[in-house]
């Protein structure tokens, strides 16, 4: 079966009677308009990402500007 948000949501509803909220993290972190708009709210931030960590999928993984910098650690995770 091909992965999709709809299939994931259906499985979660069936198994756990709950649905994932893929937009929750960007909204709660002030990134609902995307990383390009972060400079409107902040400056001088280094985003570090362990790319083995599932959270990195919704993190800033590319430099936004010269002062909003992403550092990606290919074999890293939140526990490494």
PDB file of N, CA and C in Angstrom:
ATOM      1  N   UNK A   1       0.842  -1.178   0.000  1.00  0.00           N
ATOM      2  CA  UNK A   1       0.000   0.000   0.000  1.00  0.00           C
ATOM      3  C   UNK A   1       0.885   1.238   0.000  1.00  0.00           C
ATOM      4  N   UNK A   2       0.540   2.204  -0.808  1.00  0.00           N
ATOM      5  CA  UNK A   2       1.261   3.460  -0.871  1.00  0.00           C
ATOM      6  C   UNK A   2       0.884   4.318   0.323  1.00  0.00           C
ATOM      7  N   UNK A   3       1.903   4.956   0.935  1.00  0.00           N
ATOM      8  CA  UNK A   3       1.647   5.800   2.087  1.00  0.00           C
ATOM      9  C   UNK A   3       0.963   7.086   1.657  1.00  0.00           C
ATOM     10  N   UNK A   4      -0.014   7.513   2.428  1.00  0.00           N
ATOM     11  CA  UNK A   4      -0.655   8.807   2.224  1.00  0.00           C
ATOM     12  C   UNK A   4      -1.221   9.280   3.564  1.00  0.00           C
ATOM     13  N   UNK A   5      -1.424  10.582   3.673  1.00  0.00           N
ATOM     14  CA  UNK A   5      -2.015  11.137   4.896  1.00  0.00           C
ATOM     15  C   UNK A   5      -3.418  10.572   5.093  1.00  0.00           C
ATOM     16  N   UNK A   6      -4.168  10.427   4.008  1.00  0.00           N
ATOM     17  CA  UNK A   6      -5.531   9.886   4.114  1.00  0.00           C
ATOM     18  C   UNK A   6      -5.525   8.463   4.648  1.00  0.00           C
ATOM     19  N   UNK A   7      -4.607   7.637   4.145  1.00  0.00           N
ATOM     20  CA  UNK A   7      -4.527   6.250   4.619  1.00  0.00           C
ATOM     21  C   UNK A   7      -4.093   6.206   6.078  1.00  0.00           C
ATOM     22  N   UNK A   8      -3.125   7.039   6.446  1.00  0.00           N
ATOM     23  CA  UNK A   8      -2.686   7.108   7.837  1.00  0.00           C
ATOM     24  C   UNK A   8      -3.836   7.534   8.741  1.00  0.00           C
ATOM     25  N   UNK A   9      -4.569   8.561   8.336  1.00  0.00           N
ATOM     26  CA  UNK A   9      -5.701   9.055   9.132  1.00  0.00           C
ATOM     27  C   UNK A   9      -6.762   7.979   9.304  1.00  0.00           C
ATOM     28  N   UNK A  10      -7.059   7.263   8.229  1.00  0.00           N
ATOM     29  CA  UNK A  10      -8.065   6.196   8.312  1.00  0.00           C
ATOM     30  C   UNK A  10      -7.617   5.108   9.285  1.00  0.00           C
ATOM     31  N   UNK A  11      -6.348   4.712   9.222  1.00  0.00           N
ATOM     32  CA  UNK A  11      -5.832   3.694  10.136  1.00  0.00           C
ATOM     33  C   UNK A  11      -5.858   4.155  11.581  1.00  0.00           C
ATOM     34  N   UNK A  12      -5.503   5.413  11.823  1.00  0.00           N
ATOM     35  CA  UNK A  12      -5.529   5.943  13.189  1.00  0.00           C
ATOM     36  C   UNK A  12      -6.954   6.016  13.734  1.00  0.00           C
ATOM     37  N   UNK A  13      -7.887   6.432  12.883  1.00  0.00           N
ATOM     38  CA  UNK A  13      -9.293   6.484  13.331  1.00  0.00           C
ATOM     39  C   UNK A  13      -9.801   5.092  13.671  1.00  0.00           C
ATOM     40  N   UNK A  14      -9.446   4.135  12.814  1.00  0.00           N
ATOM     41  CA  UNK A  14      -9.906   2.761  13.014  1.00  0.00           C
ATOM     42  C   UNK A  14      -9.282   2.159  14.283  1.00  0.00           C
ATOM     43  N   UNK A  15      -7.986   2.325  14.480  1.00  0.00           N
ATOM     44  CA  UNK A  15      -7.283   1.684  15.589  1.00  0.00           C
ATOM     45  C   UNK A  15      -7.386   2.449  16.912  1.00  0.00           C
ATOM     46  N   UNK A  16      -7.330   3.787  16.830  1.00  0.00           N
ATOM     47  CA  UNK A  16      -7.205   4.576  18.047  1.00  0.00           C
ATOM     48  C   UNK A  16      -8.336   5.579  18.263  1.00  0.00           C
ATOM     49  N   UNK A  17      -9.258   5.643  17.305  1.00  0.00           N
ATOM     50  CA  UNK A  17     -10.380   6.591  17.385  1.00  0.00           C
ATOM     51  C   UNK A  17      -9.865   8.039  17.502  1.00  0.00           C
ATOM     52  N   UNK A  18      -8.798   8.305  16.790  1.00  0.00           N
ATOM     53  CA  UNK A  18      -8.191   9.645  16.754  1.00  0.00           C
ATOM     54  C   UNK A  18      -7.572   9.855  15.381  1.00  0.00           C
ATOM     55  N   UNK A  19      -7.411  11.097  15.009  1.00  0.00           N
ATOM     56  CA  UNK A  19      -6.815  11.402  13.708  1.00  0.00           C
ATOM     57  C   UNK A  19      -5.573  12.263  13.894  1.00  0.00           C
ATOM     58  N   UNK A  20      -4.536  12.026  13.081  1.00  0.00           N
ATOM     59  CA  UNK A  20      -3.352  12.881  13.160  1.00  0.00           C
ATOM     60  C   UNK A  20      -3.667  14.300  12.698  1.00  0.00           C
ATOM     61  N   UNK A  21      -2.866  15.234  13.173  1.00  0.00           N
ATOM     62  CA  UNK A  21      -3.026  16.634  12.783  1.00  0.00           C
ATOM     63  C   UNK A  21      -1.712  17.120  12.160  1.00  0.00           C
ATOM     64  N   UNK A  22      -1.498  16.855  10.878  1.00  0.00           N
ATOM     65  CA  UNK A  22      -0.215  17.188  10.263  1.00  0.00           C
ATOM     66  C   UNK A  22       0.115  18.676  10.286  1.00  0.00           C
ATOM     67  N   UNK A  23      -0.866  19.536  10.328  1.00  0.00           N
ATOM     68  CA  UNK A  23      -0.602  20.979  10.328  1.00  0.00           C
ATOM     69  C   UNK A  23      -0.385  21.535  11.733  1.00  0.00           C
ATOM     70  N   UNK A  24      -0.586  20.722  12.775  1.00  0.00           N
ATOM     71  CA  UNK A  24      -0.487  21.229  14.137  1.00  0.00           C
ATOM     72  C   UNK A  24       0.910  21.744  14.472  1.00  0.00           C
ATOM     73  N   UNK A  25       1.944  20.962  14.167  1.00  0.00           N
ATOM     74  CA  UNK A  25       3.286  21.377  14.547  1.00  0.00           C
ATOM     75  C   UNK A  25       3.699  22.693  13.876  1.00  0.00           C
ATOM     76  N   UNK A  26       3.553  22.833  12.561  1.00  0.00           N
ATOM     77  CA  UNK A  26       3.922  24.127  11.965  1.00  0.00           C
ATOM     78  C   UNK A  26       3.140  25.297  12.561  1.00  0.00           C
ATOM     79  N   UNK A  27       1.859  25.108  12.824  1.00  0.00           N
ATOM     80  CA  UNK A  27       1.062  26.198  13.416  1.00  0.00           C
ATOM     81  C   UNK A  27       1.531  26.515  14.822  1.00  0.00           C
ATOM     82  N   UNK A  28       1.762  25.493  15.624  1.00  0.00           N
ATOM     83  CA  UNK A  28       2.136  25.717  17.020  1.00  0.00           C
ATOM     84  C   UNK A  28       3.544  26.296  17.147  1.00  0.00           C
ATOM     85  N   UNK A  29       4.384  26.099  16.146  1.00  0.00           N
ATOM     86  CA  UNK A  29       5.753  26.610  16.174  1.00  0.00           C
ATOM     87  C   UNK A  29       5.899  27.931  15.423  1.00  0.00           C
ATOM     88  N   UNK A  30       4.774  28.495  14.981  1.00  0.00           N
ATOM     89  CA  UNK A  30       4.822  29.773  14.285  1.00  0.00           C
ATOM     90  C   UNK A  30       5.298  29.677  12.850  1.00  0.00           C
ATOM     91  N   UNK A  31       5.171  28.497  12.257  1.00  0.00           N
ATOM     92  CA  UNK A  31       5.656  28.295  10.897  1.00  0.00           C
ATOM     93  C   UNK A  31       4.541  27.947   9.926  1.00  0.00           C
ATOM     94  N   UNK A  32       3.338  28.330  10.227  1.00  0.00           N
ATOM     95  CA  UNK A  32       2.202  27.978   9.369  1.00  0.00           C
ATOM     96  C   UNK A  32       2.360  28.541   7.960  1.00  0.00           C
ATOM     97  N   UNK A  33       3.054  29.663   7.838  1.00  0.00           N
ATOM     98  CA  UNK A  33       3.266  30.258   6.515  1.00  0.00           C
ATOM     99  C   UNK A  33       4.549  29.763   5.867  1.00  0.00           C
ATOM    100  N   UNK A  34       5.241  28.847   6.506  1.00  0.00           N
ATOM    101  CA  UNK A  34       6.452  28.276   5.950  1.00  0.00           C
ATOM    102  C   UNK A  34       7.709  28.927   6.493  1.00  0.00           C
ATOM    103  N   UNK A  35       8.811  28.239   6.290  1.00  0.00           N
ATOM    104  CA  UNK A  35      10.087  28.701   6.828  1.00  0.00           C
ATOM    105  C   UNK A  35      10.513  30.037   6.243  1.00  0.00           C
ATOM    106  N   UNK A  36      10.135  30.329   5.027  1.00  0.00           N
ATOM    107  CA  UNK A  36      10.544  31.580   4.395  1.00  0.00           C
ATOM    108  C   UNK A  36      10.038  32.800   5.156  1.00  0.00           C
ATOM    109  N   UNK A  37       8.987  32.645   5.923  1.00  0.00           N
ATOM    110  CA  UNK A  37       8.410  33.761   6.676  1.00  0.00           C
ATOM    111  C   UNK A  37       8.946  33.861   8.101  1.00  0.00           C
ATOM    112  N   UNK A  38       9.866  32.970   8.479  1.00  0.00           N
ATOM    113  CA  UNK A  38      10.421  33.025   9.833  1.00  0.00           C
ATOM    114  C   UNK A  38      11.127  34.339  10.109  1.00  0.00           C
ATOM    115  N   UNK A  39      11.745  34.919   9.099  1.00  0.00           N
ATOM    116  CA  UNK A  39      12.472  36.178   9.293  1.00  0.00           C
ATOM    117  C   UNK A  39      11.542  37.302   9.720  1.00  0.00           C
ATOM    118  N   UNK A  40      10.246  37.160   9.477  1.00  0.00           N
ATOM    119  CA  UNK A  40       9.286  38.163   9.939  1.00  0.00           C
ATOM    120  C   UNK A  40       9.141  38.154  11.462  1.00  0.00           C
ATOM    121  N   UNK A  41       9.448  37.008  12.084  1.00  0.00           N
ATOM    122  CA  UNK A  41       9.206  36.856  13.514  1.00  0.00           C
ATOM    123  C   UNK A  41      10.467  36.687  14.352  1.00  0.00           C
ATOM    124  N   UNK A  42      11.581  36.307  13.712  1.00  0.00           N
ATOM    125  CA  UNK A  42      12.777  36.002  14.498  1.00  0.00           C
ATOM    126  C   UNK A  42      14.032  36.221  13.668  1.00  0.00           C
ATOM    127  N   UNK A  43      15.163  36.158  14.337  1.00  0.00           N
ATOM    128  CA  UNK A  43      16.449  36.239  13.643  1.00  0.00           C
ATOM    129  C   UNK A  43      17.498  35.503  14.469  1.00  0.00           C
ATOM    130  N   UNK A  44      18.617  35.212  13.864  1.00  0.00           N
ATOM    131  CA  UNK A  44      19.748  34.592  14.538  1.00  0.00           C
ATOM    132  C   UNK A  44      19.375  33.285  15.239  1.00  0.00           C
ATOM    133  N   UNK A  45      18.928  32.331  14.457  1.00  0.00           N
ATOM    134  CA  UNK A  45      18.567  31.016  14.983  1.00  0.00           C
ATOM    135  C   UNK A  45      19.329  29.955  14.204  1.00  0.00           C
ATOM    136  N   UNK A  46      19.841  28.966  14.921  1.00  0.00           N
ATOM    137  CA  UNK A  46      20.457  27.804  14.285  1.00  0.00           C
ATOM    138  C   UNK A  46      19.526  26.619  14.529  1.00  0.00           C
ATOM    139  N   UNK A  47      19.033  26.034  13.452  1.00  0.00           N
ATOM    140  CA  UNK A  47      18.169  24.859  13.532  1.00  0.00           C
ATOM    141  C   UNK A  47      19.051  23.636  13.330  1.00  0.00           C
ATOM    142  N   UNK A  48      19.174  22.797  14.347  1.00  0.00           N
ATOM    143  CA  UNK A  48      19.966  21.574  14.213  1.00  0.00           C
ATOM    144  C   UNK A  48      19.018  20.404  14.063  1.00  0.00           C
ATOM    145  N   UNK A  49      19.344  19.534  13.142  1.00  0.00           N
ATOM    146  CA  UNK A  49      18.470  18.405  12.828  1.00  0.00           C
ATOM    147  C   UNK A  49      19.262  17.126  12.715  1.00  0.00           C
ATOM    148  N   UNK A  50      18.874  16.119  13.467  1.00  0.00           N
ATOM    149  CA  UNK A  50      19.356  14.768  13.237  1.00  0.00           C
ATOM    150  C   UNK A  50      18.405  14.154  12.222  1.00  0.00           C
ATOM    151  N   UNK A  51      18.903  13.842  11.045  1.00  0.00           N
ATOM    152  CA  UNK A  51      18.006  13.411   9.967  1.00  0.00           C
ATOM    153  C   UNK A  51      17.426  12.022  10.169  1.00  0.00           C
ATOM    154  N   UNK A  52      17.902  11.265  11.172  1.00  0.00           N
ATOM    155  CA  UNK A  52      17.260   9.995  11.519  1.00  0.00           C
ATOM    156  C   UNK A  52      16.044  10.210  12.419  1.00  0.00           C
ATOM    157  N   UNK A  53      15.931  11.410  12.960  1.00  0.00           N
ATOM    158  CA  UNK A  53      14.826  11.738  13.863  1.00  0.00           C
ATOM    159  C   UNK A  53      13.573  12.048  13.051  1.00  0.00           C
ATOM    160  N   UNK A  54      12.460  11.393  13.342  1.00  0.00           N
ATOM    161  CA  UNK A  54      11.227  11.675  12.600  1.00  0.00           C
ATOM    162  C   UNK A  54      10.797  13.141  12.667  1.00  0.00           C
ATOM    163  N   UNK A  55      11.158  13.851  13.753  1.00  0.00           N
ATOM    164  CA  UNK A  55      10.770  15.257  13.871  1.00  0.00           C
ATOM    165  C   UNK A  55      11.427  16.120  12.805  1.00  0.00           C
ATOM    166  N   UNK A  56      12.535  15.664  12.245  1.00  0.00           N
ATOM    167  CA  UNK A  56      13.238  16.477  11.242  1.00  0.00           C
ATOM    168  C   UNK A  56      12.390  16.687   9.986  1.00  0.00           C
ATOM    169  N   UNK A  57      11.399  15.836   9.775  1.00  0.00           N
ATOM    170  CA  UNK A  57      10.537  15.985   8.594  1.00  0.00           C
ATOM    171  C   UNK A  57       9.761  17.294   8.621  1.00  0.00           C
ATOM    172  N   UNK A  58       9.505  17.829   9.796  1.00  0.00           N
ATOM    173  CA  UNK A  58       8.768  19.089   9.888  1.00  0.00           C
ATOM    174  C   UNK A  58       9.641  20.205  10.445  1.00  0.00           C
ATOM    175  N   UNK A  59      10.932  20.031  10.331  1.00  0.00           N
ATOM    176  CA  UNK A  59      11.843  21.056  10.827  1.00  0.00           C
ATOM    177  C   UNK A  59      12.376  21.895   9.668  1.00  0.00           C
ATOM    178  N   UNK A  60      13.115  22.922  10.005  1.00  0.00           N
ATOM    179  CA  UNK A  60      13.794  23.740   9.004  1.00  0.00           C
ATOM    180  C   UNK A  60      15.094  23.023   8.668  1.00  0.00           C
ATOM    181  N   UNK A  61      15.224  22.536   7.441  1.00  0.00           N
ATOM    182  CA  UNK A  61      16.389  21.749   7.042  1.00  0.00           C
ATOM    183  C   UNK A  61      17.250  22.455   5.996  1.00  0.00           C
ATOM    184  N   UNK A  62      16.860  23.650   5.609  1.00  0.00           N
ATOM    185  CA  UNK A  62      17.651  24.449   4.678  1.00  0.00           C
ATOM    186  C   UNK A  62      17.777  25.851   5.254  1.00  0.00           C
ATOM    187  N   UNK A  63      18.906  26.495   4.964  1.00  0.00           N
ATOM    188  CA  UNK A  63      19.090  27.865   5.430  1.00  0.00           C
ATOM    189  C   UNK A  63      17.973  28.749   4.892  1.00  0.00           C
ATOM    190  N   UNK A  64      17.411  29.573   5.761  1.00  0.00           N
ATOM    191  CA  UNK A  64      16.377  30.525   5.368  1.00  0.00           C
ATOM    192  C   UNK A  64      17.033  31.842   4.975  1.00  0.00           C
ATOM    193  N   UNK A  65      18.080  32.198   5.708  1.00  0.00           N
ATOM    194  CA  UNK A  65      18.832  33.424   5.436  1.00  0.00           C
ATOM    195  C   UNK A  65      20.221  33.234   6.034  1.00  0.00           C
ATOM    196  N   UNK A  66      21.025  34.272   5.991  1.00  0.00           N
ATOM    197  CA  UNK A  66      22.368  34.163   6.566  1.00  0.00           C
ATOM    198  C   UNK A  66      22.342  34.094   8.091  1.00  0.00           C
ATOM    199  N   UNK A  67      21.226  34.453   8.712  1.00  0.00           N
ATOM    200  CA  UNK A  67      21.116  34.395  10.173  1.00  0.00           C
ATOM    201  C   UNK A  67      20.091  33.370  10.667  1.00  0.00           C
ATOM    202  N   UNK A  68      19.415  32.713   9.758  1.00  0.00           N
ATOM    203  CA  UNK A  68      18.506  31.597  10.083  1.00  0.00           C
ATOM    204  C   UNK A  68      19.080  30.379   9.367  1.00  0.00           C
ATOM    205  N   UNK A  69      19.905  29.636  10.099  1.00  0.00           N
ATOM    206  CA  UNK A  69      20.769  28.620   9.509  1.00  0.00           C
ATOM    207  C   UNK A  69      20.338  27.222   9.938  1.00  0.00           C
ATOM    208  N   UNK A  70      20.362  26.277   8.998  1.00  0.00           N
ATOM    209  CA  UNK A  70      20.059  24.878   9.302  1.00  0.00           C
ATOM    210  C   UNK A  70      21.340  24.058   9.247  1.00  0.00           C
ATOM    211  N   UNK A  71      21.545  23.247  10.263  1.00  0.00           N
ATOM    212  CA  UNK A  71      22.654  22.299  10.288  1.00  0.00           C
ATOM    213  C   UNK A  71      22.036  20.914  10.396  1.00  0.00           C
ATOM    214  N   UNK A  72      22.295  20.083   9.391  1.00  0.00           N
ATOM    215  CA  UNK A  72      21.731  18.733   9.341  1.00  0.00           C
ATOM    216  C   UNK A  72      22.813  17.706   9.641  1.00  0.00           C
ATOM    217  N   UNK A  73      22.510  16.798  10.552  1.00  0.00           N
ATOM    218  CA  UNK A  73      23.428  15.736  10.939  1.00  0.00           C
ATOM    219  C   UNK A  73      22.839  14.438  10.392  1.00  0.00           C
ATOM    220  N   UNK A  74      23.425  13.908   9.288  1.00  0.00           N
ATOM    221  CA  UNK A  74      22.802  12.796   8.576  1.00  0.00           C
ATOM    222  C   UNK A  74      22.467  11.579   9.441  1.00  0.00           C
ATOM    223  N   UNK A  75      23.371  11.162  10.322  1.00  0.00           N
ATOM    224  CA  UNK A  75      23.129   9.971  11.138  1.00  0.00           C
ATOM    225  C   UNK A  75      22.716  10.303  12.560  1.00  0.00           C
ATOM    226  N   UNK A  76      22.240  11.527  12.782  1.00  0.00           N
ATOM    227  CA  UNK A  76      21.868  11.974  14.119  1.00  0.00           C
ATOM    228  C   UNK A  76      20.385  11.827  14.400  1.00  0.00           C
ATOM    229  N   UNK A  77      20.065  11.864  15.678  1.00  0.00           N
ATOM    230  CA  UNK A  77      18.685  11.833  16.127  1.00  0.00           C
ATOM    231  C   UNK A  77      18.605  12.612  17.432  1.00  0.00           C
ATOM    232  N   UNK A  78      17.411  12.769  17.981  1.00  0.00           N
ATOM    233  CA  UNK A  78      17.275  13.550  19.209  1.00  0.00           C
ATOM    234  C   UNK A  78      17.954  12.869  20.398  1.00  0.00           C
ATOM    235  N   UNK A  79      18.255  11.605  20.277  1.00  0.00           N
ATOM    236  CA  UNK A  79      18.856  10.888  21.392  1.00  0.00           C
ATOM    237  C   UNK A  79      20.342  10.587  21.150  1.00  0.00           C
ATOM    238  N   UNK A  80      20.911  11.151  20.070  1.00  0.00           N
ATOM    239  CA  UNK A  80      22.323  10.843  19.787  1.00  0.00           C
ATOM    240  C   UNK A  80      23.245  11.963  20.205  1.00  0.00           C
TER     241      UNK A  80
END
